[in-house]
Amino acid sequence: MPRRKPDTVETVRFELGGWEREHLAPVFASQALDKYSEALGYLLDWQKLYLGITVIEVMTGVEILWGTPNDLQDVVGSLKDWWQANKDEYGGEGILGWLGLGSTPQTPEQIARRDATAQLYASAFGVTIDPSTTTAEPVEAPVYSSPADVWAQAFGVYSGQG
């Protein structure tokens, strides 16, 4: 059964005297300081500081912190200068040559393995590739007995099929 509505409303009021106010003032001050410190913590977040430093650098031209977006033109300019000084060492391969990923001459074994792998994948689509002319001609795809046979054929170590 629900409660019945009250007939009257009474208001209770507490008033603080001087002693209570004096002793509660530090509590209120610490709560305010806590809110200010929390706001300051959000303001001093690393990302916001980094952004603020970048804006100050752009506006004043003074270098405060290396690596901010303000330094991007200097970094790119330094890379261009380094490349101009060292590009003869790496020839036409460019940055791939510097990383060791350039096009170095392949050994005959590597060429044969590459051609065998290309032929294997081409056979799966029903064509054969002539390595000298790189022309494709239709051929009946071989049937392999297992995945191991496919991989062995790709590396040229097994020629049995079926």
Protein backbone atom coordinates (compact mmCIF):
# COMPACT_ATOMS: atom_id res chain seq x y z
CA MET A 1 0.00 0.00 0.00
CA PRO A 2 1.49 3.38 -0.94
CA ARG A 3 2.27 6.07 1.58
CA ARG A 4 -0.13 8.89 1.95
CA LYS A 5 0.91 12.42 1.11
CA PRO A 6 2.06 14.58 4.03
CA ASP A 7 -0.28 17.25 5.31
CA THR A 8 2.47 19.76 6.13
CA VAL A 9 6.00 20.55 4.97
CA GLU A 10 8.55 21.49 7.60
CA THR A 11 11.83 23.25 6.80
CA VAL A 12 14.88 22.54 8.92
CA ARG A 13 17.67 25.10 8.80
CA PHE A 14 21.11 24.85 10.40
CA GLU A 15 23.01 28.02 11.03
CA LEU A 16 26.75 27.99 11.63
CA GLY A 17 28.31 30.10 14.29
CA GLY A 18 31.76 31.71 14.26
CA TRP A 19 33.52 28.65 15.64
CA GLU A 20 32.07 26.31 12.98
CA ARG A 21 32.85 28.74 10.17
CA GLU A 22 36.42 29.14 11.42
CA HIS A 23 36.98 25.39 11.50
CA LEU A 24 35.23 24.64 8.17
CA ALA A 25 37.04 27.40 6.21
CA PRO A 26 40.20 25.25 5.62
CA VAL A 27 37.99 22.40 4.34
CA PHE A 28 36.34 24.67 1.79
CA ALA A 29 39.72 26.11 0.80
CA SER A 30 41.19 22.63 0.28
CA GLN A 31 38.20 21.64 -1.89
CA ALA A 32 38.67 24.76 -4.02
CA LEU A 33 42.43 24.07 -4.28
CA ASP A 34 41.65 20.49 -5.31
CA LYS A 35 39.43 21.74 -8.15
CA TYR A 36 42.10 24.25 -9.26
CA SER A 37 44.82 21.61 -9.18
CA GLU A 38 42.65 19.24 -11.21
CA ALA A 39 42.10 21.95 -13.82
CA LEU A 40 45.83 22.72 -13.81
CA GLY A 41 46.55 19.02 -14.30
CA TYR A 42 44.33 18.97 -17.38
CA LEU A 43 46.01 22.12 -18.66
CA LEU A 44 49.51 20.72 -18.15
CA ASP A 45 48.83 17.52 -20.06
CA TRP A 46 51.87 16.59 -22.23
CA GLN A 47 49.94 16.90 -25.46
CA LYS A 48 48.63 20.33 -24.57
CA LEU A 49 52.07 21.48 -23.42
CA TYR A 50 53.58 20.23 -26.68
CA LEU A 51 50.95 22.08 -28.68
CA GLY A 52 51.42 25.22 -26.59
CA ILE A 53 55.20 25.13 -27.04
CA THR A 54 54.76 24.70 -30.79
CA VAL A 55 52.41 27.69 -30.97
CA ILE A 56 54.85 29.82 -28.96
CA GLU A 57 57.74 28.75 -31.23
CA VAL A 58 55.78 29.63 -34.36
CA MET A 59 54.72 33.00 -32.97
CA THR A 60 58.09 34.06 -31.55
CA GLY A 61 60.58 32.19 -33.74
CA VAL A 62 62.46 31.08 -30.60
CA GLU A 63 63.51 27.42 -30.40
CA ILE A 64 62.19 26.00 -27.11
CA LEU A 65 61.89 22.27 -27.76
CA TRP A 66 63.50 20.38 -30.65
CA GLY A 67 61.19 18.10 -32.62
CA THR A 68 58.04 20.18 -32.62
CA PRO A 69 56.19 20.62 -35.94
CA ASN A 70 57.88 24.01 -36.17
CA ASP A 71 61.13 22.11 -36.89
CA LEU A 72 59.70 20.04 -39.74
CA GLN A 73 61.14 22.24 -42.49
CA ASP A 74 64.58 22.10 -40.85
CA VAL A 75 64.42 18.30 -40.54
CA VAL A 76 63.34 17.86 -44.17
CA GLY A 77 66.04 20.31 -45.29
CA SER A 78 68.69 18.37 -43.37
CA LEU A 79 67.54 15.10 -44.98
CA LYS A 80 67.67 16.69 -48.44
CA ASP A 81 71.19 17.98 -47.78
CA TRP A 82 72.32 14.56 -46.53
CA TRP A 83 70.82 12.85 -49.57
CA GLN A 84 72.49 15.30 -51.99
CA ALA A 85 75.84 14.58 -50.35
CA ASN A 86 75.41 10.77 -50.31
CA LYS A 87 73.26 9.88 -53.32
CA ASP A 88 76.25 8.91 -55.49
CA GLU A 89 77.11 6.17 -53.00
CA TYR A 90 73.68 4.55 -53.43
CA GLY A 91 73.25 5.17 -57.16
CA GLY A 92 69.85 4.98 -58.74
CA GLU A 93 68.41 2.71 -56.04
CA GLY A 94 67.70 5.67 -53.80
CA ILE A 95 66.59 5.16 -50.26
CA LEU A 96 65.93 1.46 -50.90
CA GLY A 97 69.63 1.03 -51.65
CA TRP A 98 70.51 2.79 -48.41
CA LEU A 99 68.19 0.42 -46.52
CA GLY A 100 69.75 -2.58 -48.27
CA LEU A 101 66.56 -3.36 -50.19
CA GLY A 102 67.74 -2.18 -53.58
CA SER A 103 67.93 -4.17 -56.78
CA THR A 104 71.22 -6.05 -56.56
CA PRO A 105 72.17 -8.44 -59.38
CA GLN A 106 70.64 -11.86 -58.79
CA THR A 107 72.57 -15.11 -59.03
CA PRO A 108 71.57 -17.65 -61.71
CA GLU A 109 70.11 -19.87 -58.95
CA GLN A 110 67.92 -17.01 -57.71
CA ILE A 111 66.76 -16.30 -61.25
CA ALA A 112 65.93 -19.99 -61.84
CA ARG A 113 64.04 -20.19 -58.52
CA ARG A 114 62.10 -17.00 -59.32
CA ASP A 115 61.18 -18.32 -62.79
CA ALA A 116 60.13 -21.69 -61.35
CA THR A 117 57.93 -19.99 -58.77
CA ALA A 118 56.38 -17.75 -61.42
CA GLN A 119 55.72 -20.79 -63.59
CA LEU A 120 54.15 -22.63 -60.67
CA TYR A 121 51.72 -19.80 -59.93
CA ALA A 122 50.99 -19.33 -63.62
CA SER A 123 50.24 -23.05 -63.92
CA ALA A 124 47.63 -22.71 -61.22
CA PHE A 125 45.80 -20.34 -63.60
CA GLY A 126 46.27 -22.61 -66.59
CA VAL A 127 49.06 -20.75 -68.39
CA THR A 128 52.76 -21.24 -68.94
CA ILE A 129 55.27 -18.40 -69.08
CA ASP A 130 58.32 -18.29 -71.31
CA PRO A 131 60.97 -16.50 -69.16
CA SER A 132 62.91 -15.17 -72.14
CA THR A 133 59.95 -13.51 -73.85
CA THR A 134 57.61 -13.28 -70.81
CA THR A 135 54.71 -14.45 -72.96
CA ALA A 136 51.94 -16.58 -71.52
CA GLU A 137 50.47 -19.56 -73.32
CA PRO A 138 47.55 -21.75 -72.22
CA VAL A 139 48.45 -25.10 -70.70
CA GLU A 140 46.66 -27.71 -68.66
CA ALA A 141 47.28 -27.05 -64.96
CA PRO A 142 49.14 -29.80 -63.14
CA VAL A 143 47.45 -31.66 -60.34
CA TYR A 144 49.42 -31.78 -57.11
CA SER A 145 48.95 -34.52 -54.55
CA SER A 146 49.60 -32.36 -51.48
CA PRO A 147 50.52 -28.85 -50.35
CA ALA A 148 54.05 -30.13 -49.73
CA ASP A 149 54.27 -31.08 -53.42
CA VAL A 150 53.23 -27.53 -54.39
CA TRP A 151 55.89 -25.93 -52.19
CA ALA A 152 58.55 -28.43 -53.24
CA GLN A 153 57.78 -27.64 -56.87
CA ALA A 154 57.97 -23.91 -56.14
CA PHE A 155 61.48 -24.32 -54.73
CA GLY A 156 62.54 -26.71 -57.47
CA VAL A 157 63.46 -29.60 -55.18
CA TYR A 158 60.78 -32.08 -56.27
CA SER A 159 59.37 -32.60 -59.71
CA GLY A 160 56.96 -35.47 -59.11
CA GLN A 161 53.29 -34.75 -59.60
CA GLY A 162 50.14 -36.70 -59.03
